[in-house]
Amino acid sequence: MMTNGEYIDEISARNLGKFILENRDYISKHDLIKLLEVIITNYGDFGGFYDGYADKCYEDVVLEPLGEVLFEKDLDENDIKRIFRLLEKDDYNLMNIILNIFLKHAEKFSKYSDVLKKCIDEYDYFIYLIKLGKKDEVLKQLDKSDLEESEKFEILTMIDEVRQ
């Protein structure tokens, strides 16, 4: 439906999210990544997960289950690159949902720090490092950072919250 530009109503979107959750053990990581790629690259063509009459977005009912199940999988370096390469193609900030779910699972993917540094923006990378408990590393890099002062303050606040 998405690749044909067909509108996906909220009920269909919820059913897709439910299908992903109920079949998490049977859907491969490659199929999940492919679905994410289809959503990101075709979002505008199928009208997104948006009800124009109600002025309501419902992309979360698909992307949250997709992200949760995806990051339960045993992902390798190429999978991580493939997923976060979609940030460049995402005109609708849909990958923010995926990134937030990824950050909840940051420890599982700690061996991919170098890969992620190249894939995600500096702010999100600092959050990733904080989730890994690498506060000192963030503090060292923050001085050299090009982040806005307000973003640096947010990062410092996060570090302070973790310390408490």
Protein backbone atom coordinates (compact mmCIF):
# COMPACT_ATOMS: atom_id res chain seq x y z
CA MET A 1 0.00 0.00 0.00
CA MET A 2 2.75 2.43 0.94
CA THR A 3 4.75 1.94 -2.23
CA ASN A 4 1.60 2.33 -4.33
CA GLY A 5 0.73 5.64 -2.69
CA GLU A 6 -2.45 4.33 -1.07
CA TYR A 7 -3.75 6.15 2.00
CA ILE A 8 -3.37 4.22 5.25
CA ASP A 9 -6.07 5.05 7.77
CA GLU A 10 -5.55 4.93 11.52
CA ILE A 11 -7.21 1.53 11.92
CA SER A 12 -4.91 -0.01 9.30
CA ALA A 13 -1.91 1.64 10.93
CA ARG A 14 -2.91 0.29 14.36
CA ASN A 15 -3.37 -3.16 12.84
CA LEU A 16 0.11 -2.98 11.34
CA GLY A 17 1.60 -1.98 14.70
CA LYS A 18 -0.29 -4.79 16.42
CA PHE A 19 0.85 -7.26 13.74
CA ILE A 20 4.48 -6.29 14.30
CA LEU A 21 4.19 -6.79 18.07
CA GLU A 22 2.32 -10.08 17.83
CA ASN A 23 4.76 -11.50 15.27
CA ARG A 24 7.99 -10.12 16.71
CA ASP A 25 9.58 -13.56 16.80
CA TYR A 26 8.78 -14.28 13.16
CA ILE A 27 9.67 -11.00 11.49
CA SER A 28 13.34 -10.72 10.57
CA LYS A 29 15.47 -7.68 11.26
CA HIS A 30 15.87 -7.26 7.52
CA ASP A 31 12.11 -7.14 6.99
CA LEU A 32 11.73 -4.59 9.79
CA ILE A 33 14.47 -2.39 8.36
CA LYS A 34 12.93 -2.70 4.89
CA LEU A 35 9.54 -1.64 6.28
CA LEU A 36 11.18 1.34 7.97
CA GLU A 37 12.87 2.27 4.69
CA VAL A 38 9.55 2.03 2.83
CA ILE A 39 7.83 4.24 5.39
CA ILE A 40 10.55 6.89 5.38
CA THR A 41 11.05 7.03 1.61
CA ASN A 42 7.36 6.84 0.66
CA TYR A 43 5.79 8.80 3.52
CA GLY A 44 4.70 11.77 1.44
CA ASP A 45 3.45 9.57 -1.41
CA PHE A 46 0.96 7.65 0.71
CA GLY A 47 -0.13 10.70 2.69
CA GLY A 48 1.69 9.70 5.83
CA PHE A 49 -0.05 8.46 8.90
CA TYR A 50 -2.25 11.53 8.99
CA ASP A 51 -5.97 12.15 9.17
CA GLY A 52 -6.58 15.49 7.48
CA TYR A 53 -10.16 15.77 8.69
CA ALA A 54 -9.26 15.29 12.34
CA ASP A 55 -5.84 16.96 11.88
CA LYS A 56 -4.26 14.03 13.67
CA CYS A 57 -0.94 12.23 13.13
CA TYR A 58 -0.68 8.57 14.10
CA GLU A 59 2.74 7.49 12.90
CA ASP A 60 3.60 6.44 16.44
CA VAL A 61 1.16 3.51 16.30
CA VAL A 62 3.38 1.94 13.64
CA LEU A 63 6.84 3.33 14.38
CA GLU A 64 6.89 2.66 18.13
CA PRO A 65 6.15 -1.07 17.79
CA LEU A 66 8.49 -1.26 14.79
CA GLY A 67 11.31 0.38 16.76
CA GLU A 68 10.75 -1.72 19.88
CA VAL A 69 10.80 -4.98 17.95
CA LEU A 70 13.68 -3.86 15.72
CA PHE A 71 15.97 -3.01 18.63
CA GLU A 72 15.21 -6.33 20.29
CA LYS A 73 16.88 -8.00 17.31
CA ASP A 74 20.55 -8.86 17.07
CA LEU A 75 21.65 -5.96 14.88
CA ASP A 76 25.12 -5.69 13.42
CA GLU A 77 27.15 -2.69 12.26
CA ASN A 78 25.66 -2.73 8.76
CA ASP A 79 22.13 -2.82 10.19
CA ILE A 80 22.87 0.20 12.39
CA LYS A 81 24.29 2.11 9.42
CA ARG A 82 21.31 1.17 7.26
CA ILE A 83 18.82 2.29 9.91
CA PHE A 84 20.45 5.61 10.70
CA ARG A 85 21.21 6.42 7.06
CA LEU A 86 17.47 7.02 6.91
CA LEU A 87 17.94 10.19 8.97
CA GLU A 88 19.17 11.87 5.78
CA LYS A 89 16.06 10.82 3.85
CA ASP A 90 13.56 11.67 6.58
CA ASP A 91 11.72 14.86 5.66
CA TYR A 92 9.08 14.41 8.37
CA ASN A 93 11.17 13.77 11.52
CA LEU A 94 9.82 10.24 11.77
CA MET A 95 13.23 8.90 12.67
CA ASN A 96 13.08 10.83 15.94
CA ILE A 97 10.66 8.17 17.18
CA ILE A 98 13.08 5.43 16.12
CA LEU A 99 16.06 7.27 17.62
CA ASN A 100 14.32 7.73 20.97
CA ILE A 101 13.54 4.02 21.13
CA PHE A 102 17.13 3.22 20.15
CA LEU A 103 18.40 5.40 23.00
CA LYS A 104 16.34 3.34 25.46
CA HIS A 105 18.32 0.31 24.25
CA ALA A 106 21.67 2.14 24.05
CA GLU A 107 23.59 -0.27 26.27
CA LYS A 108 22.82 -3.18 23.98
CA PHE A 109 24.56 -1.35 21.13
CA SER A 110 27.52 0.10 23.03
CA LYS A 111 30.04 -1.54 20.71
CA TYR A 112 28.80 0.65 17.85
CA SER A 113 29.82 4.01 19.33
CA ASP A 114 32.19 4.81 16.46
CA VAL A 115 29.55 3.96 13.86
CA LEU A 116 26.90 6.03 15.60
CA LYS A 117 29.19 9.03 15.88
CA LYS A 118 29.12 9.20 12.08
CA CYS A 119 25.39 8.49 11.74
CA ILE A 120 23.61 10.68 14.26
CA ASP A 121 23.99 14.34 15.13
CA GLU A 122 26.26 15.48 17.92
CA TYR A 123 23.46 16.24 20.39
CA ASP A 124 21.94 12.78 20.05
CA TYR A 125 25.38 11.22 20.20
CA PHE A 126 25.99 12.91 23.54
CA ILE A 127 22.69 11.54 24.83
CA TYR A 128 23.76 8.11 23.64
CA LEU A 129 27.06 8.41 25.54
CA ILE A 130 25.24 9.57 28.67
CA LYS A 131 22.98 6.51 28.45
CA LEU A 132 26.15 4.40 28.29
CA GLY A 133 27.43 6.07 31.45
CA LYS A 134 30.23 7.88 29.63
CA LYS A 135 29.60 11.25 31.28
CA ASP A 136 33.29 12.17 31.53
CA GLU A 137 33.75 11.61 27.80
CA VAL A 138 30.77 13.88 27.09
CA LEU A 139 32.17 16.58 29.37
CA LYS A 140 35.52 16.47 27.54
CA GLN A 141 33.90 16.71 24.11
CA LEU A 142 31.30 19.30 25.09
CA ASP A 143 33.87 22.11 25.31
CA LYS A 144 34.93 21.51 21.70
CA SER A 145 31.36 21.10 20.51
CA ASP A 146 29.57 23.33 18.01
CA LEU A 147 26.27 22.88 19.81
CA GLU A 148 24.24 25.92 20.79
CA GLU A 149 24.66 27.04 24.40
CA SER A 150 21.09 25.96 25.19
CA GLU A 151 21.82 22.45 23.88
CA LYS A 152 25.02 22.28 25.91
CA PHE A 153 23.03 23.29 28.97
CA GLU A 154 20.48 20.52 28.29
CA ILE A 155 23.30 17.98 28.01
CA LEU A 156 24.83 19.20 31.28
CA THR A 157 21.42 18.95 32.94
CA MET A 158 21.08 15.35 31.73
CA ILE A 159 24.51 14.50 33.10
CA ASP A 160 23.57 16.08 36.43
CA GLU A 161 20.31 14.09 36.55
CA VAL A 162 22.20 10.84 35.93
CA ARG A 163 24.66 11.62 38.73
CA GLN A 164 21.86 12.01 41.31
